Amino acid sequence: MKKLQAVLGVVLCASAGVAQAEIIDFSVGDNSFRAALYGPLGEIVDGSKSQYDVGVVMRPKRTDDLLVAHVGGLVTGDAGMKEFNLAAGLGLRGVYVGRDHDSGGAVAMGGQAEARFPGYERIGFSVYGYFAPEQTSLGDVEEYYEVGVGVDYQLVKNASAYVGYREVKMDIANLTNVTADDSFHVGLRLGF
């Protein structure tokens, strides 16, 4: 457990150094919680922008504690459906997986999409997914994937409440389908 606390501390300290008008995202599921910080990095080329993403999913109080921490970057922009205010991004994530006696990492490829409907801008829909095959996995991690969907309601301009479903699974050493999260969750997104 001390190893998990140390990694969580490092991730949170690193994310605090880059916080500048960003979004803090915190959600609680059935057996886990997720904390994340993300925001813009700047414009790349021709209106495309970049975004960073730092976060952690923890599954405490089980027979084995599990921590999944990540840091990533996305190229984001308008996805071509202006009437739905659809934005999307593609990018990479470096993932660290810590589980009692097994640990490792992976480089995952993936992306996300978010939409808000005209006339109902306070309601948003989002979907994301990341996958790392055995070829981009390190240590005891042999494969990793994370997918999620959500619906949010913007209470005020910089604060949203949401519900969603998230699945985070990996193969570690000789175990398949080790689950960090596989549940519905509720959360808050706060912009600063």
Foldseek 3Di string as FASTA:
>chain_A
DVVQVVVVVVLVVVLVVPDDQWKWKWKDWDQKIKTKIKDWPAADPDQWTKMKMWMKIWGPDDPKTKIKTKIWMWTKDQPPDVQFSKMKTWIWMWIWIDIPVFIWIFIKTWMKMKTAHPPGRQKMKMKIKIWGAQVGITGQWRIWMKIKIKIWGRPDDFKIKIKIFMWIFTGGNPRGGDTSGGGIMIMMMGTD
